[in-house]
Amino acid sequence: MARVLVKLMLEVEKFDESLYLPIFAHCESMGVRFETMHSLGDLSDARLALYELNKTCSGAKESHDDYFTFEEYGEQRLGDHYDPRGVVLAIQGNEWVGMTAISDWSERGFAFNEMTGVLPAYRRQGIALTLKVLGILYARKLGVEMLYGLFDAKNAAAIEMNRRLGYVDIDSHPLHDLNDLHDLHDIQYKLSRLND
């Protein structure tokens, strides 16, 4: 059965991160720190840990869904548009508890939100929201106009969080006709496994 996806976009320059500083401070007060794959060295063991975290946060382990092999993950998520500065990790003690991954399509004027997730025991504490904000700030540093994301329609919490941050439906945005949005078509290959 095909998965229904909600297509969202954020105009990066309109985003006001100051609204979320108290949540960031709350996370830090709980002992959560935020690092990028770049700051951690982007080594092969870190990439494997990122893969396992992404797999767990996506729910693939619990649902027994087919998920990328590590090799497929490397090709799909750590390929040409991967930038280790665009993968932000939430770490408490020595445990990686959450992540967001933004791919760099700046040569086409946008970035893409690959995944944001937090381990179940750490949810509803502001970690995912802080990760999203840090991902948006990374997209701003790239100098892109838009940050896109495709979300499973069943994931109402993620969709609502993104809308609170200022994401809007691409289909209804006055600046974009989805049929003319070649950039979005170019990134659909990343989600081909989701529609099986």
Protein backbone atom coordinates (compact mmCIF):
# COMPACT_ATOMS: atom_id res chain seq x y z
CA MET A 1 0.00 0.00 0.00
CA ALA A 2 1.37 3.39 -0.99
CA ARG A 3 2.23 5.82 1.74
CA VAL A 4 0.52 9.20 1.60
CA LEU A 5 2.99 12.05 1.95
CA VAL A 6 2.38 15.61 3.06
CA LYS A 7 4.65 18.04 1.19
CA LEU A 8 5.73 21.04 3.25
CA MET A 9 8.06 23.98 2.71
CA LEU A 10 9.54 26.75 4.81
CA GLU A 11 10.77 30.11 3.59
CA VAL A 12 14.05 30.10 5.50
CA GLU A 13 14.61 33.85 5.81
CA LYS A 14 11.18 34.38 7.38
CA PHE A 15 11.96 32.00 10.23
CA ASP A 16 12.42 33.63 13.67
CA GLU A 17 14.56 31.38 15.85
CA SER A 18 14.37 33.74 18.82
CA LEU A 19 10.93 32.30 19.62
CA TYR A 20 12.57 28.96 20.42
CA LEU A 21 15.50 30.03 22.61
CA PRO A 22 13.69 29.06 25.85
CA ILE A 23 13.18 25.51 24.55
CA PHE A 24 16.86 25.25 23.61
CA ALA A 25 17.80 26.46 27.11
CA HIS A 26 15.41 23.90 28.63
CA CYS A 27 17.12 21.07 26.70
CA GLU A 28 20.54 22.24 27.84
CA SER A 29 19.30 22.40 31.45
CA MET A 30 18.34 18.70 31.14
CA GLY A 31 21.91 17.90 30.13
CA VAL A 32 21.23 17.54 26.41
CA ARG A 33 23.91 18.93 24.14
CA PHE A 34 23.80 19.34 20.39
CA GLU A 35 26.62 18.34 18.07
CA THR A 36 26.95 17.88 14.32
CA MET A 37 28.42 14.89 12.55
CA HIS A 38 31.12 17.31 11.45
CA SER A 39 32.02 18.29 15.02
CA LEU A 40 32.16 14.59 15.96
CA GLY A 41 34.52 13.79 13.10
CA ASP A 42 32.11 12.08 10.66
CA LEU A 43 33.98 8.78 11.03
CA SER A 44 32.66 5.40 9.88
CA ASP A 45 31.65 4.29 13.40
CA ALA A 46 29.74 7.58 13.85
CA ARG A 47 27.97 6.99 10.53
CA LEU A 48 26.96 3.52 11.68
CA ALA A 49 25.65 4.97 14.96
CA LEU A 50 23.72 7.60 12.95
CA TYR A 51 22.21 4.83 10.82
CA GLU A 52 21.09 2.89 13.90
CA LEU A 53 19.64 6.03 15.52
CA ASN A 54 17.80 6.98 12.31
CA LYS A 55 16.43 3.44 12.02
CA THR A 56 15.21 3.41 15.63
CA CYS A 57 13.72 6.91 15.50
CA SER A 58 11.87 6.11 12.28
CA GLY A 59 10.11 3.23 14.00
CA ALA A 60 11.46 0.66 11.56
CA LYS A 61 12.80 -1.59 14.33
CA GLU A 62 9.47 -1.79 16.15
CA SER A 63 7.30 -2.19 13.06
CA HIS A 64 9.69 -4.62 11.34
CA ASP A 65 9.33 -2.57 8.17
CA ASP A 66 11.92 -2.98 5.51
CA TYR A 67 14.52 -0.33 6.07
CA PHE A 68 17.63 0.65 4.21
CA THR A 69 20.63 -1.58 4.72
CA PHE A 70 23.62 0.39 5.95
CA GLU A 71 25.00 0.39 2.40
CA GLU A 72 21.71 1.69 0.99
CA TYR A 73 21.55 4.29 3.73
CA GLY A 74 25.01 5.46 2.74
CA GLU A 75 23.97 5.81 -0.89
CA GLN A 76 20.62 7.50 -0.13
CA ARG A 77 21.43 9.68 2.87
CA LEU A 78 25.21 10.11 2.84
CA GLY A 79 25.67 10.72 -0.88
CA ASP A 80 26.25 13.81 -3.00
CA HIS A 81 24.00 16.12 -0.99
CA TYR A 82 25.18 15.00 2.44
CA ASP A 83 27.00 17.56 4.55
CA PRO A 84 28.07 16.45 8.04
CA ARG A 85 27.38 20.01 9.26
CA GLY A 86 23.72 19.45 8.33
CA VAL A 87 23.26 16.44 10.61
CA VAL A 88 22.63 17.57 14.18
CA LEU A 89 22.60 15.10 17.06
CA ALA A 90 21.04 15.46 20.49
CA ILE A 91 23.31 13.78 23.03
CA GLN A 92 22.66 13.15 26.70
CA GLY A 93 25.71 11.84 28.52
CA ASN A 94 27.20 9.53 25.90
CA GLU A 95 23.89 8.46 24.37
CA TRP A 96 22.67 9.77 21.05
CA VAL A 97 18.99 10.46 21.73
CA GLY A 98 17.86 12.36 18.64
CA MET A 99 18.89 13.63 15.25
CA THR A 100 17.94 15.81 12.34
CA ALA A 101 19.43 15.55 8.87
CA ILE A 102 19.26 18.31 6.28
CA SER A 103 20.64 17.63 2.81
CA ASP A 104 22.34 20.41 0.86
CA TRP A 105 20.78 21.20 -2.51
CA SER A 106 22.02 24.79 -2.41
CA GLU A 107 23.10 24.66 -6.04
CA ARG A 108 19.33 24.44 -6.76
CA GLY A 109 18.36 26.99 -4.10
CA PHE A 110 16.95 24.72 -1.42
CA ALA A 111 17.69 22.26 1.37
CA PHE A 112 15.74 19.12 2.23
CA ASN A 113 14.73 17.81 5.65
CA GLU A 114 15.64 14.12 5.40
CA MET A 115 14.65 13.09 8.91
CA THR A 116 14.12 14.37 12.41
CA GLY A 117 13.59 11.91 15.21
CA VAL A 118 14.04 11.36 18.93
CA LEU A 119 14.20 8.11 20.87
CA PRO A 120 10.83 7.32 22.52
CA ALA A 121 12.09 7.80 26.10
CA TYR A 122 13.23 11.37 25.25
CA ARG A 123 10.19 12.62 23.35
CA ARG A 124 7.94 15.50 24.44
CA GLN A 125 10.84 17.36 26.08
CA GLY A 126 11.56 19.90 23.34
CA ILE A 127 14.46 17.97 21.81
CA ALA A 128 12.85 17.42 18.39
CA LEU A 129 11.80 21.06 18.20
CA THR A 130 15.32 22.21 19.06
CA LEU A 131 16.77 19.85 16.44
CA LYS A 132 14.35 21.24 13.84
CA VAL A 133 15.39 24.81 14.69
CA LEU A 134 19.09 23.93 14.40
CA GLY A 135 18.38 22.29 11.04
CA ILE A 136 16.64 25.42 9.81
CA LEU A 137 19.61 27.54 10.93
CA TYR A 138 21.92 25.24 8.97
CA ALA A 139 19.73 25.75 5.88
CA ARG A 140 19.96 29.51 6.43
CA LYS A 141 23.78 29.28 6.53
CA LEU A 142 23.63 27.57 3.14
CA GLY A 143 21.92 30.68 1.80
CA VAL A 144 18.94 28.77 0.41
CA GLU A 145 15.46 30.22 0.03
CA MET A 146 13.45 27.11 0.82
CA LEU A 147 13.59 24.10 3.10
CA TYR A 148 11.40 21.23 1.94
CA GLY A 149 10.14 18.17 3.72
CA LEU A 150 7.93 15.20 2.94
CA PHE A 151 6.12 13.65 5.88
CA ASP A 152 4.04 10.53 6.32
CA ALA A 153 0.41 11.70 6.55
CA LYS A 154 -0.06 9.38 9.56
CA ASN A 155 2.58 11.31 11.53
CA ALA A 156 0.28 14.08 12.70
CA ALA A 157 2.64 15.18 15.51
CA ALA A 158 5.53 15.81 13.10
CA ILE A 159 3.31 17.63 10.63
CA GLU A 160 1.85 19.83 13.36
CA MET A 161 5.32 20.63 14.76
CA ASN A 162 6.55 21.65 11.30
CA ARG A 163 3.51 23.84 10.73
CA ARG A 164 4.11 25.53 14.11
CA LEU A 165 7.60 26.35 12.87
CA GLY A 166 6.12 28.05 9.80
CA TYR A 167 6.10 25.28 7.21
CA VAL A 168 3.20 25.46 4.77
CA ASP A 169 1.74 22.98 2.33
CA ILE A 170 3.52 23.20 -1.00
CA ASP A 171 0.30 22.46 -2.89
CA SER A 172 -1.34 25.62 -1.54
CA HIS A 173 1.64 27.99 -1.47
CA PRO A 174 1.18 30.95 -3.86
CA LEU A 175 4.85 30.93 -4.92
CA HIS A 176 4.87 27.36 -6.16
CA ASP A 177 2.88 25.33 -8.59
CA LEU A 178 3.73 21.75 -7.63
CA ASN A 179 3.71 20.75 -11.31
CA ASP A 180 6.46 23.29 -11.99
CA LEU A 181 8.55 22.45 -8.94
CA HIS A 182 11.31 20.48 -10.62
CA ASP A 183 13.46 20.57 -7.49
CA LEU A 184 10.93 18.55 -5.53
CA HIS A 185 10.71 16.03 -8.35
CA ASP A 186 14.49 15.65 -8.23
CA ILE A 187 14.43 14.60 -4.59
CA GLN A 188 11.54 12.14 -4.89
CA TYR A 189 14.05 9.34 -5.57
CA LYS A 190 15.09 9.57 -1.94
CA LEU A 191 11.61 8.49 -0.92
CA SER A 192 11.02 5.81 -3.53
CA ARG A 193 11.18 3.06 -0.91
CA LEU A 194 8.46 4.77 1.11
CA ASN A 195 5.90 4.33 -1.65
CA ASP A 196 6.23 0.55 -2.07
